[in-house]
C-alpha cells in the first residue's frame, strides 16, 4: 500500500439496517434505514428509488421543505413520506 497519505481513522462499526417498501396513494416508495448505537436518535434514510439520502431525527420531520428538497418529491409525495416516517422512526 502506498504511503501518500496519513490515515487518521479506520474503524468498523456495526449498524442496524432495515428495508421497507410501501405503496402510498401516489406511488411506491423503497427505503433503507440505518441506525447505529453511537447516535441512537439519528437515522440515515436512503431513498432506494432515487439514490438520495439524509440523516434525520424524528424532530426534523417538522421542518417543512426538508423531505421535498432532499428526496426531490412534490409536496403531496413528501407529506405521504413524512406521515410514514413519523410511524417508523
C-alpha atoms as a PDB file:
ATOM      1  CA  UNK A   1       0.000   0.000   0.000  1.00  0.00           C
ATOM      2  CA  UNK A   2       1.258   3.449  -0.880  1.00  0.00           C
ATOM      3  CA  UNK A   3       2.006   5.881   1.955  1.00  0.00           C
ATOM      4  CA  UNK A   4       0.983   9.075   0.137  1.00  0.00           C
ATOM      5  CA  UNK A   5      -1.493   9.893   2.880  1.00  0.00           C
ATOM      6  CA  UNK A   6      -1.756   9.780   6.654  1.00  0.00           C
ATOM      7  CA  UNK A   7      -4.560   7.549   7.898  1.00  0.00           C
ATOM      8  CA  UNK A   8      -6.434   9.393  10.637  1.00  0.00           C
ATOM      9  CA  UNK A   9      -9.175   6.913  11.478  1.00  0.00           C
ATOM     10  CA  UNK A  10     -10.121   3.402  10.349  1.00  0.00           C
ATOM     11  CA  UNK A  11     -12.819   1.628  12.335  1.00  0.00           C
ATOM     12  CA  UNK A  12     -15.617  -0.819  11.721  1.00  0.00           C
ATOM     13  CA  UNK A  13     -18.996  -0.125  13.307  1.00  0.00           C
ATOM     14  CA  UNK A  14     -21.973  -2.461  13.446  1.00  0.00           C
ATOM     15  CA  UNK A  15     -25.142  -0.863  12.154  1.00  0.00           C
ATOM     16  CA  UNK A  16     -28.752  -1.984  12.077  1.00  0.00           C
ATOM     17  CA  UNK A  17     -30.252  -1.833   8.566  1.00  0.00           C
ATOM     18  CA  UNK A  18     -33.985  -2.077   7.876  1.00  0.00           C
ATOM     19  CA  UNK A  19     -35.538  -2.138   4.392  1.00  0.00           C
ATOM     20  CA  UNK A  20     -39.131  -1.010   3.955  1.00  0.00           C
ATOM     21  CA  UNK A  21     -41.163  -0.715   0.771  1.00  0.00           C
ATOM     22  CA  UNK A  22     -44.689   0.619   0.804  1.00  0.00           C
ATOM     23  CA  UNK A  23     -47.326   1.746  -1.644  1.00  0.00           C
ATOM     24  CA  UNK A  24     -48.735   5.166  -0.914  1.00  0.00           C
ATOM     25  CA  UNK A  25     -51.670   6.857  -2.595  1.00  0.00           C
ATOM     26  CA  UNK A  26     -49.356   8.441  -5.178  1.00  0.00           C
ATOM     27  CA  UNK A  27     -46.503   5.976  -5.784  1.00  0.00           C
ATOM     28  CA  UNK A  28     -44.367   3.169  -4.410  1.00  0.00           C
ATOM     29  CA  UNK A  29     -41.537   4.035  -2.016  1.00  0.00           C
ATOM     30  CA  UNK A  30     -38.463   1.948  -1.181  1.00  0.00           C
ATOM     31  CA  UNK A  31     -36.277   2.977   1.737  1.00  0.00           C
ATOM     32  CA  UNK A  32     -33.320   1.696   3.721  1.00  0.00           C
ATOM     33  CA  UNK A  33     -32.987   2.832   7.333  1.00  0.00           C
ATOM     34  CA  UNK A  34     -29.576   2.682   9.009  1.00  0.00           C
ATOM     35  CA  UNK A  35     -29.179   3.109  12.758  1.00  0.00           C
ATOM     36  CA  UNK A  36     -26.125   2.884  14.970  1.00  0.00           C
ATOM     37  CA  UNK A  37     -25.602   2.736  18.700  1.00  0.00           C
ATOM     38  CA  UNK A  38     -23.361   5.819  18.541  1.00  0.00           C
ATOM     39  CA  UNK A  39     -26.283   8.119  17.577  1.00  0.00           C
ATOM     40  CA  UNK A  40     -29.483   6.316  18.575  1.00  0.00           C
ATOM     41  CA  UNK A  41     -31.755   9.313  17.884  1.00  0.00           C
ATOM     42  CA  UNK A  42     -30.477   9.801  14.304  1.00  0.00           C
ATOM     43  CA  UNK A  43     -31.334   7.583  11.356  1.00  0.00           C
ATOM     44  CA  UNK A  44     -29.806   7.569   7.897  1.00  0.00           C
ATOM     45  CA  UNK A  45     -32.626   7.183   5.401  1.00  0.00           C
ATOM     46  CA  UNK A  46     -31.855   6.170   1.827  1.00  0.00           C
ATOM     47  CA  UNK A  47     -34.477   6.530  -0.890  1.00  0.00           C
ATOM     48  CA  UNK A  48     -33.507   3.478  -2.952  1.00  0.00           C
ATOM     49  CA  UNK A  49     -35.555   4.505  -5.992  1.00  0.00           C
ATOM     50  CA  UNK A  50     -33.927   7.929  -6.319  1.00  0.00           C
ATOM     51  CA  UNK A  51     -30.497   7.252  -4.770  1.00  0.00           C
ATOM     52  CA  UNK A  52     -30.908  10.136  -2.327  1.00  0.00           C
ATOM     53  CA  UNK A  53     -30.216  10.047   1.413  1.00  0.00           C
ATOM     54  CA  UNK A  54     -30.337  12.085   4.597  1.00  0.00           C
ATOM     55  CA  UNK A  55     -29.541  11.786   8.277  1.00  0.00           C
ATOM     56  CA  UNK A  56     -32.648  12.707  10.216  1.00  0.00           C
ATOM     57  CA  UNK A  57     -34.291  12.673  13.630  1.00  0.00           C
ATOM     58  CA  UNK A  58     -37.991  12.434  14.337  1.00  0.00           C
ATOM     59  CA  UNK A  59     -37.973  16.137  15.263  1.00  0.00           C
ATOM     60  CA  UNK A  60     -36.559  17.020  11.818  1.00  0.00           C
ATOM     61  CA  UNK A  61     -39.800  15.814  10.227  1.00  0.00           C
ATOM     62  CA  UNK A  62     -41.444  19.039  11.415  1.00  0.00           C
ATOM     63  CA  UNK A  63     -39.134  21.014   9.122  1.00  0.00           C
ATOM     64  CA  UNK A  64     -41.356  21.694   6.087  1.00  0.00           C
ATOM     65  CA  UNK A  65     -39.445  21.529   2.855  1.00  0.00           C
ATOM     66  CA  UNK A  66     -36.711  19.192   4.047  1.00  0.00           C
ATOM     67  CA  UNK A  67     -38.195  15.964   2.674  1.00  0.00           C
ATOM     68  CA  UNK A  68     -39.254  17.770  -0.501  1.00  0.00           C
ATOM     69  CA  UNK A  69     -35.734  19.059  -1.072  1.00  0.00           C
ATOM     70  CA  UNK A  70     -33.652  16.041  -0.095  1.00  0.00           C
ATOM     71  CA  UNK A  71     -35.731  13.370  -1.822  1.00  0.00           C
ATOM     72  CA  UNK A  72     -36.852  15.677  -4.662  1.00  0.00           C
ATOM     73  CA  UNK A  73     -40.539  14.982  -4.103  1.00  0.00           C
ATOM     74  CA  UNK A  74     -43.653  17.087  -4.597  1.00  0.00           C
ATOM     75  CA  UNK A  75     -45.419  18.493  -1.529  1.00  0.00           C
ATOM     76  CA  UNK A  76     -48.059  15.746  -1.680  1.00  0.00           C
ATOM     77  CA  UNK A  77     -45.467  12.966  -2.001  1.00  0.00           C
ATOM     78  CA  UNK A  78     -43.372  14.470   0.793  1.00  0.00           C
ATOM     79  CA  UNK A  79     -46.436  14.574   3.064  1.00  0.00           C
ATOM     80  CA  UNK A  80     -47.005  10.894   2.354  1.00  0.00           C
ATOM     81  CA  UNK A  81     -43.376  10.089   3.199  1.00  0.00           C
ATOM     82  CA  UNK A  82     -43.416  12.338   6.273  1.00  0.00           C
ATOM     83  CA  UNK A  83     -46.543  10.629   7.663  1.00  0.00           C
ATOM     84  CA  UNK A  84     -44.950   7.221   7.081  1.00  0.00           C
ATOM     85  CA  UNK A  85     -41.671   8.243   8.732  1.00  0.00           C
ATOM     86  CA  UNK A  86     -43.486   9.518  11.820  1.00  0.00           C
ATOM     87  CA  UNK A  87     -44.695   5.954  12.370  1.00  0.00           C
ATOM     88  CA  UNK A  88     -41.430   4.080  11.746  1.00  0.00           C
ATOM     89  CA  UNK A  89     -38.801   6.365  13.316  1.00  0.00           C
END
